[in-house]
Amino acid sequence: MDSITVTVNRWAHGWELIIDDENATQVRTLAKAQQQVRDYLDTLYPEVDHSNLDVRLVYANVEQQLQEARKAQALAAEAEAKASRQIREVVSQLRSEGVSLSDAAAILKVSKGRIQQLQAA
């Protein structure tokens, strides 16, 4: 077992850590949750080394929203990378057509220094 997903639920004294249908433990703060899960599993299965176990905490109340937000971030990063490639291509085309740094900067509404940065990238 290299990783485990643990569902976390808020309760009056901290967090309940649900490992599976039959196993759960508690912790006061989520900062200590991963180690608590490892320690709990060490108690159940002392013959197994859990020290490198990747413990993934899932807070069910926000998990779907979190996944959607992460997907949106990834899409935004892809769009930004594509836009950067496209703007560098525009700079390259302008410069290959003999457009000066000043004129390219005016066309793109950036500084001459930025045109040089885009050209060098």
PDB file of N, CA and C in Angstrom:
ATOM      1  N   MET A   1       0.849  -1.170   0.000  1.00  0.00           N
ATOM      2  CA  MET A   1       0.000   0.000   0.000  1.00  0.00           C
ATOM      3  C   MET A   1       0.898   1.238   0.000  1.00  0.00           C
ATOM      4  N   ASP A   2       0.855   2.011  -1.085  1.00  0.00           N
ATOM      5  CA  ASP A   2       1.671   3.222  -1.197  1.00  0.00           C
ATOM      6  C   ASP A   2       0.923   4.471  -0.789  1.00  0.00           C
ATOM      7  N   SER A   3      -0.409   4.444  -0.946  1.00  0.00           N
ATOM      8  CA  SER A   3      -1.204   5.614  -0.598  1.00  0.00           C
ATOM      9  C   SER A   3      -2.566   5.181  -0.071  1.00  0.00           C
ATOM     10  N   ILE A   4      -3.185   6.092   0.632  1.00  0.00           N
ATOM     11  CA  ILE A   4      -4.509   5.837   1.198  1.00  0.00           C
ATOM     12  C   ILE A   4      -5.285   7.140   1.184  1.00  0.00           C
ATOM     13  N   THR A   5      -6.572   7.042   0.901  1.00  0.00           N
ATOM     14  CA  THR A   5      -7.446   8.204   0.945  1.00  0.00           C
ATOM     15  C   THR A   5      -8.284   8.116   2.212  1.00  0.00           C
ATOM     16  N   VAL A   6      -8.247   9.165   2.995  1.00  0.00           N
ATOM     17  CA  VAL A   6      -8.943   9.216   4.272  1.00  0.00           C
ATOM     18  C   VAL A   6      -9.944  10.365   4.222  1.00  0.00           C
ATOM     19  N   THR A   7     -11.187  10.060   4.550  1.00  0.00           N
ATOM     20  CA  THR A   7     -12.226  11.090   4.592  1.00  0.00           C
ATOM     21  C   THR A   7     -12.181  11.770   5.952  1.00  0.00           C
ATOM     22  N   VAL A   8     -12.190  13.087   5.956  1.00  0.00           N
ATOM     23  CA  VAL A   8     -12.153  13.838   7.214  1.00  0.00           C
ATOM     24  C   VAL A   8     -13.499  14.526   7.429  1.00  0.00           C
ATOM     25  N   ASN A   9     -13.953  14.462   8.657  1.00  0.00           N
ATOM     26  CA  ASN A   9     -15.206  15.122   9.042  1.00  0.00           C
ATOM     27  C   ASN A   9     -14.971  15.928  10.310  1.00  0.00           C
ATOM     28  N   ARG A  10     -15.485  17.119  10.329  1.00  0.00           N
ATOM     29  CA  ARG A  10     -15.353  18.007  11.475  1.00  0.00           C
ATOM     30  C   ARG A  10     -16.227  17.484  12.610  1.00  0.00           C
ATOM     31  N   TRP A  11     -15.734  17.564  13.830  1.00  0.00           N
ATOM     32  CA  TRP A  11     -16.542  17.265  15.000  1.00  0.00           C
ATOM     33  C   TRP A  11     -16.134  18.208  16.114  1.00  0.00           C
ATOM     34  N   ALA A  12     -16.799  18.168  17.234  1.00  0.00           N
ATOM     35  CA  ALA A  12     -16.639  19.161  18.300  1.00  0.00           C
ATOM     36  C   ALA A  12     -15.207  19.308  18.802  1.00  0.00           C
ATOM     37  N   HIS A  13     -14.439  18.240  18.806  1.00  0.00           N
ATOM     38  CA  HIS A  13     -13.091  18.293  19.370  1.00  0.00           C
ATOM     39  C   HIS A  13     -11.990  18.217  18.312  1.00  0.00           C
ATOM     40  N   GLY A  14     -12.329  18.396  17.064  1.00  0.00           N
ATOM     41  CA  GLY A  14     -11.324  18.353  16.008  1.00  0.00           C
ATOM     42  C   GLY A  14     -11.850  17.683  14.761  1.00  0.00           C
ATOM     43  N   TRP A  15     -11.150  16.622  14.338  1.00  0.00           N
ATOM     44  CA  TRP A  15     -11.473  15.962  13.078  1.00  0.00           C
ATOM     45  C   TRP A  15     -11.554  14.451  13.262  1.00  0.00           C
ATOM     46  N   GLU A  16     -12.555  13.861  12.642  1.00  0.00           N
ATOM     47  CA  GLU A  16     -12.655  12.415  12.574  1.00  0.00           C
ATOM     48  C   GLU A  16     -11.997  11.996  11.271  1.00  0.00           C
ATOM     49  N   LEU A  17     -11.156  10.976  11.348  1.00  0.00           N
ATOM     50  CA  LEU A  17     -10.428  10.483  10.180  1.00  0.00           C
ATOM     51  C   LEU A  17     -10.975   9.099   9.854  1.00  0.00           C
ATOM     52  N   ILE A  18     -11.745   9.007   8.787  1.00  0.00           N
ATOM     53  CA  ILE A  18     -12.380   7.749   8.418  1.00  0.00           C
ATOM     54  C   ILE A  18     -11.496   7.049   7.397  1.00  0.00           C
ATOM     55  N   ILE A  19     -10.897   5.958   7.826  1.00  0.00           N
ATOM     56  CA  ILE A  19      -9.970   5.213   6.987  1.00  0.00           C
ATOM     57  C   ILE A  19     -10.711   4.245   6.076  1.00  0.00           C
ATOM     58  N   ASP A  20     -11.677   3.546   6.648  1.00  0.00           N
ATOM     59  CA  ASP A  20     -12.552   2.658   5.874  1.00  0.00           C
ATOM     60  C   ASP A  20     -13.817   2.422   6.692  1.00  0.00           C
ATOM     61  N   ASP A  21     -14.666   1.519   6.262  1.00  0.00           N
ATOM     62  CA  ASP A  21     -15.943   1.286   6.947  1.00  0.00           C
ATOM     63  C   ASP A  21     -15.779   0.833   8.392  1.00  0.00           C
ATOM     64  N   GLU A  22     -14.641   0.237   8.729  1.00  0.00           N
ATOM     65  CA  GLU A  22     -14.446  -0.312  10.064  1.00  0.00           C
ATOM     66  C   GLU A  22     -13.396   0.418  10.892  1.00  0.00           C
ATOM     67  N   ASN A  23     -12.666   1.332  10.279  1.00  0.00           N
ATOM     68  CA  ASN A  23     -11.558   1.978  10.983  1.00  0.00           C
ATOM     69  C   ASN A  23     -11.621   3.490  10.878  1.00  0.00           C
ATOM     70  N   ALA A  24     -11.503   4.111  12.049  1.00  0.00           N
ATOM     71  CA  ALA A  24     -11.480   5.568  12.115  1.00  0.00           C
ATOM     72  C   ALA A  24     -10.680   5.968  13.345  1.00  0.00           C
ATOM     73  N   THR A  25     -10.170   7.177  13.304  1.00  0.00           N
ATOM     74  CA  THR A  25      -9.458   7.727  14.447  1.00  0.00           C
ATOM     75  C   THR A  25      -9.761   9.223  14.477  1.00  0.00           C
ATOM     76  N   GLN A  26      -9.212   9.913  15.452  1.00  0.00           N
ATOM     77  CA  GLN A  26      -9.484  11.343  15.574  1.00  0.00           C
ATOM     78  C   GLN A  26      -8.173  12.099  15.755  1.00  0.00           C
ATOM     79  N   VAL A  27      -8.276  13.381  15.456  1.00  0.00           N
ATOM     80  CA  VAL A  27      -7.125  14.264  15.634  1.00  0.00           C
ATOM     81  C   VAL A  27      -7.661  15.675  15.883  1.00  0.00           C
ATOM     82  N   ARG A  28      -6.932  16.453  16.656  1.00  0.00           N
ATOM     83  CA  ARG A  28      -7.407  17.801  16.972  1.00  0.00           C
ATOM     84  C   ARG A  28      -7.266  18.742  15.768  1.00  0.00           C
ATOM     85  N   THR A  29      -6.125  18.669  15.066  1.00  0.00           N
ATOM     86  CA  THR A  29      -5.904  19.534  13.899  1.00  0.00           C
ATOM     87  C   THR A  29      -5.493  18.691  12.700  1.00  0.00           C
ATOM     88  N   LEU A  30      -5.857  19.142  11.525  1.00  0.00           N
ATOM     89  CA  LEU A  30      -5.515  18.411  10.308  1.00  0.00           C
ATOM     90  C   LEU A  30      -4.016  18.398  10.037  1.00  0.00           C
ATOM     91  N   ALA A  31      -3.304  19.331  10.617  1.00  0.00           N
ATOM     92  CA  ALA A  31      -1.846  19.342  10.442  1.00  0.00           C
ATOM     93  C   ALA A  31      -1.219  18.056  10.962  1.00  0.00           C
ATOM     94  N   LYS A  32      -1.882  17.399  11.895  1.00  0.00           N
ATOM     95  CA  LYS A  32      -1.352  16.167  12.479  1.00  0.00           C
ATOM     96  C   LYS A  32      -2.071  14.926  11.955  1.00  0.00           C
ATOM     97  N   ALA A  33      -2.972  15.088  11.020  1.00  0.00           N
ATOM     98  CA  ALA A  33      -3.822  13.981  10.569  1.00  0.00           C
ATOM     99  C   ALA A  33      -3.045  12.885   9.854  1.00  0.00           C
ATOM    100  N   GLN A  34      -2.151  13.243   8.978  1.00  0.00           N
ATOM    101  CA  GLN A  34      -1.427  12.219   8.221  1.00  0.00           C
ATOM    102  C   GLN A  34      -0.619  11.316   9.157  1.00  0.00           C
ATOM    103  N   GLN A  35       0.074  11.909  10.116  1.00  0.00           N
ATOM    104  CA  GLN A  35       0.850  11.110  11.058  1.00  0.00           C
ATOM    105  C   GLN A  35      -0.066  10.284  11.941  1.00  0.00           C
ATOM    106  N   GLN A  36      -1.217  10.829  12.308  1.00  0.00           N
ATOM    107  CA  GLN A  36      -2.165  10.074  13.124  1.00  0.00           C
ATOM    108  C   GLN A  36      -2.646   8.824  12.386  1.00  0.00           C
ATOM    109  N   VAL A  37      -2.917   8.962  11.093  1.00  0.00           N
ATOM    110  CA  VAL A  37      -3.342   7.810  10.302  1.00  0.00           C
ATOM    111  C   VAL A  37      -2.222   6.775  10.251  1.00  0.00           C
ATOM    112  N   ARG A  38      -1.006   7.207  10.017  1.00  0.00           N
ATOM    113  CA  ARG A  38       0.125   6.273   9.987  1.00  0.00           C
ATOM    114  C   ARG A  38       0.273   5.543  11.328  1.00  0.00           C
ATOM    115  N   ASP A  39       0.172   6.309  12.427  1.00  0.00           N
ATOM    116  CA  ASP A  39       0.293   5.713  13.752  1.00  0.00           C
ATOM    117  C   ASP A  39      -0.830   4.712  14.007  1.00  0.00           C
ATOM    118  N   TYR A  40      -2.032   5.064  13.596  1.00  0.00           N
ATOM    119  CA  TYR A  40      -3.181   4.162  13.768  1.00  0.00           C
ATOM    120  C   TYR A  40      -2.951   2.872  12.992  1.00  0.00           C
ATOM    121  N   LEU A  41      -2.512   2.996  11.751  1.00  0.00           N
ATOM    122  CA  LEU A  41      -2.260   1.802  10.940  1.00  0.00           C
ATOM    123  C   LEU A  41      -1.105   0.976  11.500  1.00  0.00           C
ATOM    124  N   ASP A  42      -0.109   1.633  12.070  1.00  0.00           N
ATOM    125  CA  ASP A  42       0.989   0.913  12.721  1.00  0.00           C
ATOM    126  C   ASP A  42       0.466   0.073  13.884  1.00  0.00           C
ATOM    127  N   THR A  43      -0.549   0.595  14.578  1.00  0.00           N
ATOM    128  CA  THR A  43      -1.147  -0.150  15.686  1.00  0.00           C
ATOM    129  C   THR A  43      -1.910  -1.364  15.169  1.00  0.00           C
ATOM    130  N   LEU A  44      -2.630  -1.190  14.072  1.00  0.00           N
ATOM    131  CA  LEU A  44      -3.396  -2.303  13.495  1.00  0.00           C
ATOM    132  C   LEU A  44      -2.498  -3.343  12.846  1.00  0.00           C
ATOM    133  N   TYR A  45      -1.476  -2.851  12.157  1.00  0.00           N
ATOM    134  CA  TYR A  45      -0.596  -3.732  11.381  1.00  0.00           C
ATOM    135  C   TYR A  45       0.862  -3.438  11.737  1.00  0.00           C
ATOM    136  N   PRO A  46       1.314  -3.873  12.907  1.00  0.00           N
ATOM    137  CA  PRO A  46       2.684  -3.532  13.348  1.00  0.00           C
ATOM    138  C   PRO A  46       3.773  -4.120  12.465  1.00  0.00           C
ATOM    139  N   GLU A  47       3.456  -5.130  11.691  1.00  0.00           N
ATOM    140  CA  GLU A  47       4.457  -5.760  10.825  1.00  0.00           C
ATOM    141  C   GLU A  47       4.702  -4.959   9.538  1.00  0.00           C
ATOM    142  N   VAL A  48       3.867  -3.956   9.290  1.00  0.00           N
ATOM    143  CA  VAL A  48       3.973  -3.155   8.067  1.00  0.00           C
ATOM    144  C   VAL A  48       4.538  -1.779   8.406  1.00  0.00           C
ATOM    145  N   ASP A  49       5.477  -1.320   7.582  1.00  0.00           N
ATOM    146  CA  ASP A  49       6.047   0.018   7.753  1.00  0.00           C
ATOM    147  C   ASP A  49       5.166   1.027   7.023  1.00  0.00           C
ATOM    148  N   HIS A  50       4.538   1.924   7.760  1.00  0.00           N
ATOM    149  CA  HIS A  50       3.651   2.935   7.178  1.00  0.00           C
ATOM    150  C   HIS A  50       4.313   4.314   7.111  1.00  0.00           C
ATOM    151  N   SER A  51       5.591   4.397   7.426  1.00  0.00           N
ATOM    152  CA  SER A  51       6.255   5.700   7.534  1.00  0.00           C
ATOM    153  C   SER A  51       6.273   6.487   6.225  1.00  0.00           C
ATOM    154  N   ASN A  52       6.255   5.806   5.094  1.00  0.00           N
ATOM    155  CA  ASN A  52       6.268   6.501   3.808  1.00  0.00           C
ATOM    156  C   ASN A  52       4.910   6.483   3.108  1.00  0.00           C
ATOM    157  N   LEU A  53       3.878   6.090   3.835  1.00  0.00           N
ATOM    158  CA  LEU A  53       2.537   6.027   3.271  1.00  0.00           C
ATOM    159  C   LEU A  53       2.045   7.427   2.912  1.00  0.00           C
ATOM    160  N   ASP A  54       1.590   7.599   1.695  1.00  0.00           N
ATOM    161  CA  ASP A  54       1.012   8.862   1.249  1.00  0.00           C
ATOM    162  C   ASP A  54      -0.445   8.895   1.704  1.00  0.00           C
ATOM    163  N   VAL A  55      -0.750   9.777   2.639  1.00  0.00           N
ATOM    164  CA  VAL A  55      -2.103   9.892   3.178  1.00  0.00           C
ATOM    165  C   VAL A  55      -2.772  11.090   2.536  1.00  0.00           C
ATOM    166  N   ARG A  56      -3.812  10.826   1.741  1.00  0.00           N
ATOM    167  CA  ARG A  56      -4.564  11.885   1.055  1.00  0.00           C
ATOM    168  C   ARG A  56      -5.821  12.153   1.853  1.00  0.00           C
ATOM    169  N   LEU A  57      -5.973  13.385   2.319  1.00  0.00           N
ATOM    170  CA  LEU A  57      -7.133  13.766   3.110  1.00  0.00           C
ATOM    171  C   LEU A  57      -8.203  14.358   2.202  1.00  0.00           C
ATOM    172  N   VAL A  58      -9.413  13.879   2.362  1.00  0.00           N
ATOM    173  CA  VAL A  58     -10.538  14.349   1.556  1.00  0.00           C
ATOM    174  C   VAL A  58     -11.621  14.863   2.494  1.00  0.00           C
ATOM    175  N   TYR A  59     -11.943  16.128   2.348  1.00  0.00           N
ATOM    176  CA  TYR A  59     -13.037  16.729   3.116  1.00  0.00           C
ATOM    177  C   TYR A  59     -14.250  16.725   2.198  1.00  0.00           C
ATOM    178  N   ALA A  60     -15.136  15.784   2.423  1.00  0.00           N
ATOM    179  CA  ALA A  60     -16.243  15.517   1.502  1.00  0.00           C
ATOM    180  C   ALA A  60     -17.081  16.751   1.196  1.00  0.00           C
ATOM    181  N   ASN A  61     -17.224  17.664   2.149  1.00  0.00           N
ATOM    182  CA  ASN A  61     -18.078  18.839   1.944  1.00  0.00           C
ATOM    183  C   ASN A  61     -17.602  19.748   0.815  1.00  0.00           C
ATOM    184  N   VAL A  62     -16.307  19.725   0.533  1.00  0.00           N
ATOM    185  CA  VAL A  62     -15.773  20.624  -0.498  1.00  0.00           C
ATOM    186  C   VAL A  62     -15.015  19.898  -1.594  1.00  0.00           C
ATOM    187  N   GLU A  63     -14.943  18.582  -1.546  1.00  0.00           N
ATOM    188  CA  GLU A  63     -14.095  17.831  -2.482  1.00  0.00           C
ATOM    189  C   GLU A  63     -14.457  18.095  -3.940  1.00  0.00           C
ATOM    190  N   GLN A  64     -15.746  18.079  -4.267  1.00  0.00           N
ATOM    191  CA  GLN A  64     -16.142  18.304  -5.660  1.00  0.00           C
ATOM    192  C   GLN A  64     -15.768  19.714  -6.106  1.00  0.00           C
ATOM    193  N   GLN A  65     -16.021  20.695  -5.269  1.00  0.00           N
ATOM    194  CA  GLN A  65     -15.664  22.076  -5.601  1.00  0.00           C
ATOM    195  C   GLN A  65     -14.153  22.212  -5.756  1.00  0.00           C
ATOM    196  N   LEU A  66     -13.411  21.551  -4.900  1.00  0.00           N
ATOM    197  CA  LEU A  66     -11.959  21.609  -4.961  1.00  0.00           C
ATOM    198  C   LEU A  66     -11.444  20.996  -6.252  1.00  0.00           C
ATOM    199  N   GLN A  67     -11.993  19.853  -6.642  1.00  0.00           N
ATOM    200  CA  GLN A  67     -11.588  19.218  -7.894  1.00  0.00           C
ATOM    201  C   GLN A  67     -11.910  20.115  -9.087  1.00  0.00           C
ATOM    202  N   GLU A  68     -13.074  20.748  -9.075  1.00  0.00           N
ATOM    203  CA  GLU A  68     -13.445  21.661 -10.162  1.00  0.00           C
ATOM    204  C   GLU A  68     -12.512  22.859 -10.207  1.00  0.00           C
ATOM    205  N   ALA A  69     -12.161  23.398  -9.044  1.00  0.00           N
ATOM    206  CA  ALA A  69     -11.248  24.546  -8.994  1.00  0.00           C
ATOM    207  C   ALA A  69      -9.864  24.170  -9.513  1.00  0.00           C
ATOM    208  N   ARG A  70      -9.382  22.986  -9.135  1.00  0.00           N
ATOM    209  CA  ARG A  70      -8.072  22.541  -9.617  1.00  0.00           C
ATOM    210  C   ARG A  70      -8.088  22.307 -11.120  1.00  0.00           C
ATOM    211  N   LYS A  71      -9.185  21.777 -11.622  1.00  0.00           N
ATOM    212  CA  LYS A  71      -9.314  21.586 -13.067  1.00  0.00           C
ATOM    213  C   LYS A  71      -9.309  22.942 -13.776  1.00  0.00           C
ATOM    214  N   ALA A  72     -10.027  23.914 -13.217  1.00  0.00           N
ATOM    215  CA  ALA A  72     -10.052  25.258 -13.800  1.00  0.00           C
ATOM    216  C   ALA A  72      -8.661  25.889 -13.769  1.00  0.00           C
ATOM    217  N   GLN A  73      -7.911  25.667 -12.680  1.00  0.00           N
ATOM    218  CA  GLN A  73      -6.542  26.186 -12.599  1.00  0.00           C
ATOM    219  C   GLN A  73      -5.665  25.571 -13.680  1.00  0.00           C
ATOM    220  N   ALA A  74      -5.801  24.272 -13.876  1.00  0.00           N
ATOM    221  CA  ALA A  74      -4.992  23.597 -14.894  1.00  0.00           C
ATOM    222  C   ALA A  74      -5.341  24.116 -16.289  1.00  0.00           C
ATOM    223  N   LEU A  75      -6.624  24.295 -16.548  1.00  0.00           N
ATOM    224  CA  LEU A  75      -7.045  24.833 -17.847  1.00  0.00           C
ATOM    225  C   LEU A  75      -6.532  26.258 -18.044  1.00  0.00           C
ATOM    226  N   ALA A  76      -6.572  27.045 -16.982  1.00  0.00           N
ATOM    227  CA  ALA A  76      -6.068  28.422 -17.064  1.00  0.00           C
ATOM    228  C   ALA A  76      -4.571  28.435 -17.329  1.00  0.00           C
ATOM    229  N   ALA A  77      -3.842  27.538 -16.698  1.00  0.00           N
ATOM    230  CA  ALA A  77      -2.392  27.456 -16.922  1.00  0.00           C
ATOM    231  C   ALA A  77      -2.091  27.060 -18.358  1.00  0.00           C
ATOM    232  N   GLU A  78      -2.872  26.116 -18.893  1.00  0.00           N
ATOM    233  CA  GLU A  78      -2.703  25.721 -20.294  1.00  0.00           C
ATOM    234  C   GLU A  78      -2.999  26.891 -21.224  1.00  0.00           C
ATOM    235  N   ALA A  79      -4.069  27.623 -20.938  1.00  0.00           N
ATOM    236  CA  ALA A  79      -4.433  28.772 -21.771  1.00  0.00           C
ATOM    237  C   ALA A  79      -3.360  29.850 -21.706  1.00  0.00           C
ATOM    238  N   GLU A  80      -2.806  30.070 -20.528  1.00  0.00           N
ATOM    239  CA  GLU A  80      -1.748  31.069 -20.382  1.00  0.00           C
ATOM    240  C   GLU A  80      -0.500  30.657 -21.156  1.00  0.00           C
ATOM    241  N   ALA A  81      -0.143  29.380 -21.084  1.00  0.00           N
ATOM    242  CA  ALA A  81       1.022  28.896 -21.823  1.00  0.00           C
ATOM    243  C   ALA A  81       0.801  29.046 -23.329  1.00  0.00           C
ATOM    244  N   LYS A  82      -0.412  28.733 -23.790  1.00  0.00           N
ATOM    245  CA  LYS A  82      -0.734  28.878 -25.217  1.00  0.00           C
ATOM    246  C   LYS A  82      -0.661  30.340 -25.636  1.00  0.00           C
ATOM    247  N   ALA A  83      -1.206  31.226 -24.812  1.00  0.00           N
ATOM    248  CA  ALA A  83      -1.167  32.657 -25.125  1.00  0.00           C
ATOM    249  C   ALA A  83       0.270  33.165 -25.180  1.00  0.00           C
ATOM    250  N   SER A  84       1.107  32.683 -24.272  1.00  0.00           N
ATOM    251  CA  SER A  84       2.518  33.092 -24.267  1.00  0.00           C
ATOM    252  C   SER A  84       3.221  32.643 -25.538  1.00  0.00           C
ATOM    253  N   ARG A  85       2.954  31.398 -25.950  1.00  0.00           N
ATOM    254  CA  ARG A  85       3.545  30.905 -27.208  1.00  0.00           C
ATOM    255  C   ARG A  85       3.081  31.760 -28.384  1.00  0.00           C
ATOM    256  N   GLN A  86       1.803  32.073 -28.399  1.00  0.00           N
ATOM    257  CA  GLN A  86       1.256  32.850 -29.512  1.00  0.00           C
ATOM    258  C   GLN A  86       1.852  34.251 -29.566  1.00  0.00           C
ATOM    259  N   ILE A  87       2.006  34.892 -28.432  1.00  0.00           N
ATOM    260  CA  ILE A  87       2.553  36.247 -28.428  1.00  0.00           C
ATOM    261  C   ILE A  87       4.012  36.227 -28.850  1.00  0.00           C
ATOM    262  N   ARG A  88       4.756  35.178 -28.446  1.00  0.00           N
ATOM    263  CA  ARG A  88       6.149  35.063 -28.897  1.00  0.00           C
ATOM    264  C   ARG A  88       6.214  34.857 -30.409  1.00  0.00           C
ATOM    265  N   GLU A  89       5.266  34.101 -30.947  1.00  0.00           N
ATOM    266  CA  GLU A  89       5.206  33.899 -32.398  1.00  0.00           C
ATOM    267  C   GLU A  89       4.920  35.213 -33.117  1.00  0.00           C
ATOM    268  N   VAL A  90       4.036  36.030 -32.553  1.00  0.00           N
ATOM    269  CA  VAL A  90       3.738  37.337 -33.147  1.00  0.00           C
ATOM    270  C   VAL A  90       4.993  38.207 -33.143  1.00  0.00           C
ATOM    271  N   VAL A  91       5.699  38.222 -32.019  1.00  0.00           N
ATOM    272  CA  VAL A  91       6.936  39.011 -31.933  1.00  0.00           C
ATOM    273  C   VAL A  91       7.937  38.509 -32.961  1.00  0.00           C
ATOM    274  N   SER A  92       8.078  37.204 -33.045  1.00  0.00           N
ATOM    275  CA  SER A  92       9.011  36.618 -34.007  1.00  0.00           C
ATOM    276  C   SER A  92       8.646  37.019 -35.437  1.00  0.00           C
ATOM    277  N   GLN A  93       7.361  36.960 -35.755  1.00  0.00           N
ATOM    278  CA  GLN A  93       6.921  37.327 -37.101  1.00  0.00           C
ATOM    279  C   GLN A  93       7.185  38.802 -37.374  1.00  0.00           C
ATOM    280  N   LEU A  94       6.832  39.662 -36.420  1.00  0.00           N
ATOM    281  CA  LEU A  94       7.073  41.096 -36.609  1.00  0.00           C
ATOM    282  C   LEU A  94       8.551  41.383 -36.835  1.00  0.00           C
ATOM    283  N   ARG A  95       9.395  40.786 -36.010  1.00  0.00           N
ATOM    284  CA  ARG A  95      10.819  41.046 -36.126  1.00  0.00           C
ATOM    285  C   ARG A  95      11.392  40.469 -37.413  1.00  0.00           C
ATOM    286  N   SER A  96      10.879  39.311 -37.857  1.00  0.00           N
ATOM    287  CA  SER A  96      11.369  38.722 -39.108  1.00  0.00           C
ATOM    288  C   SER A  96      10.937  39.559 -40.314  1.00  0.00           C
ATOM    289  N   GLU A  97       9.874  40.323 -40.159  1.00  0.00           N
ATOM    290  CA  GLU A  97       9.419  41.223 -41.224  1.00  0.00           C
ATOM    291  C   GLU A  97      10.135  42.565 -41.171  1.00  0.00           C
ATOM    292  N   GLY A  98      11.075  42.690 -40.230  1.00  0.00           N
ATOM    293  CA  GLY A  98      11.865  43.914 -40.152  1.00  0.00           C
ATOM    294  C   GLY A  98      11.239  45.008 -39.308  1.00  0.00           C
ATOM    295  N   VAL A  99      10.207  44.717 -38.566  1.00  0.00           N
ATOM    296  CA  VAL A  99       9.582  45.714 -37.697  1.00  0.00           C
ATOM    297  C   VAL A  99      10.529  45.990 -36.538  1.00  0.00           C
ATOM    298  N   SER A 100      10.775  47.255 -36.255  1.00  0.00           N
ATOM    299  CA  SER A 100      11.709  47.646 -35.199  1.00  0.00           C
ATOM    300  C   SER A 100      11.154  47.284 -33.815  1.00  0.00           C
ATOM    301  N   LEU A 101      12.064  47.288 -32.834  1.00  0.00           N
ATOM    302  CA  LEU A 101      11.638  47.044 -31.463  1.00  0.00           C
ATOM    303  C   LEU A 101      10.586  48.049 -31.020  1.00  0.00           C
ATOM    304  N   SER A 102      10.817  49.323 -31.331  1.00  0.00           N
ATOM    305  CA  SER A 102       9.882  50.380 -30.943  1.00  0.00           C
ATOM    306  C   SER A 102       8.513  50.174 -31.577  1.00  0.00           C
ATOM    307  N   ASP A 103       8.505  49.834 -32.857  1.00  0.00           N
ATOM    308  CA  ASP A 103       7.229  49.655 -33.538  1.00  0.00           C
ATOM    309  C   ASP A 103       6.518  48.380 -33.054  1.00  0.00           C
ATOM    310  N   ALA A 104       7.287  47.323 -32.837  1.00  0.00           N
ATOM    311  CA  ALA A 104       6.688  46.092 -32.310  1.00  0.00           C
ATOM    312  C   ALA A 104       6.096  46.350 -30.927  1.00  0.00           C
ATOM    313  N   ALA A 105       6.803  47.129 -30.118  1.00  0.00           N
ATOM    314  CA  ALA A 105       6.312  47.478 -28.792  1.00  0.00           C
ATOM    315  C   ALA A 105       5.014  48.274 -28.888  1.00  0.00           C
ATOM    316  N   ALA A 106       4.945  49.180 -29.847  1.00  0.00           N
ATOM    317  CA  ALA A 106       3.731  49.978 -30.027  1.00  0.00           C
ATOM    318  C   ALA A 106       2.563  49.100 -30.480  1.00  0.00           C
ATOM    319  N   ILE A 107       2.844  48.171 -31.375  1.00  0.00           N
ATOM    320  CA  ILE A 107       1.786  47.279 -31.869  1.00  0.00           C
ATOM    321  C   ILE A 107       1.247  46.415 -30.728  1.00  0.00           C
ATOM    322  N   LEU A 108       2.148  45.882 -29.901  1.00  0.00           N
ATOM    323  CA  LEU A 108       1.728  44.981 -28.820  1.00  0.00           C
ATOM    324  C   LEU A 108       1.368  45.721 -27.534  1.00  0.00           C
ATOM    325  N   LYS A 109       1.590  47.022 -27.509  1.00  0.00           N
ATOM    326  CA  LYS A 109       1.311  47.853 -26.335  1.00  0.00           C
ATOM    327  C   LYS A 109       2.102  47.392 -25.109  1.00  0.00           C
ATOM    328  N   VAL A 110       3.395  47.136 -25.333  1.00  0.00           N
ATOM    329  CA  VAL A 110       4.331  46.775 -24.268  1.00  0.00           C
ATOM    330  C   VAL A 110       5.605  47.590 -24.464  1.00  0.00           C
ATOM    331  N   SER A 111       6.545  47.432 -23.554  1.00  0.00           N
ATOM    332  CA  SER A 111       7.811  48.172 -23.675  1.00  0.00           C
ATOM    333  C   SER A 111       8.748  47.466 -24.661  1.00  0.00           C
ATOM    334  N   LYS A 112       9.758  48.215 -25.095  1.00  0.00           N
ATOM    335  CA  LYS A 112      10.781  47.613 -25.957  1.00  0.00           C
ATOM    336  C   LYS A 112      11.505  46.490 -25.220  1.00  0.00           C
ATOM    337  N   GLY A 113      11.728  46.699 -23.936  1.00  0.00           N
ATOM    338  CA  GLY A 113      12.380  45.668 -23.131  1.00  0.00           C
ATOM    339  C   GLY A 113      11.569  44.376 -23.111  1.00  0.00           C
ATOM    340  N   ARG A 114      10.248  44.506 -23.061  1.00  0.00           N
ATOM    341  CA  ARG A 114       9.396  43.314 -23.066  1.00  0.00           C
ATOM    342  C   ARG A 114       9.481  42.603 -24.416  1.00  0.00           C
ATOM    343  N   ILE A 115       9.572  43.372 -25.487  1.00  0.00           N
ATOM    344  CA  ILE A 115       9.715  42.764 -26.812  1.00  0.00           C
ATOM    345  C   ILE A 115      11.018  41.966 -26.844  1.00  0.00           C
ATOM    346  N   GLN A 116      12.084  42.521 -26.291  1.00  0.00           N
ATOM    347  CA  GLN A 116      13.361  41.811 -26.264  1.00  0.00           C
ATOM    348  C   GLN A 116      13.250  40.519 -25.435  1.00  0.00           C
ATOM    349  N   GLN A 117      12.537  40.595 -24.319  1.00  0.00           N
ATOM    350  CA  GLN A 117      12.338  39.398 -23.486  1.00  0.00           C
ATOM    351  C   GLN A 117      11.568  38.324 -24.269  1.00  0.00           C
ATOM    352  N   LEU A 118      10.509  38.730 -24.945  1.00  0.00           N
ATOM    353  CA  LEU A 118       9.689  37.786 -25.695  1.00  0.00           C
ATOM    354  C   LEU A 118      10.476  37.192 -26.854  1.00  0.00           C
ATOM    355  N   GLN A 119      11.312  38.007 -27.462  1.00  0.00           N
ATOM    356  CA  GLN A 119      12.117  37.548 -28.579  1.00  0.00           C
ATOM    357  C   GLN A 119      13.166  36.545 -28.116  1.00  0.00           C
ATOM    358  N   ALA A 120      13.703  36.741 -26.913  1.00  0.00           N
ATOM    359  CA  ALA A 120      14.751  35.868 -26.391  1.00  0.00           C
ATOM    360  C   ALA A 120      14.185  34.541 -25.872  1.00  0.00           C
ATOM    361  N   ALA A 121      12.925  34.529 -25.515  1.00  0.00           N
ATOM    362  CA  ALA A 121      12.317  33.318 -24.914  1.00  0.00           C
ATOM    363  C   ALA A 121      12.095  32.219 -25.925  1.00  0.00           C
TER     364      ALA A 121
END
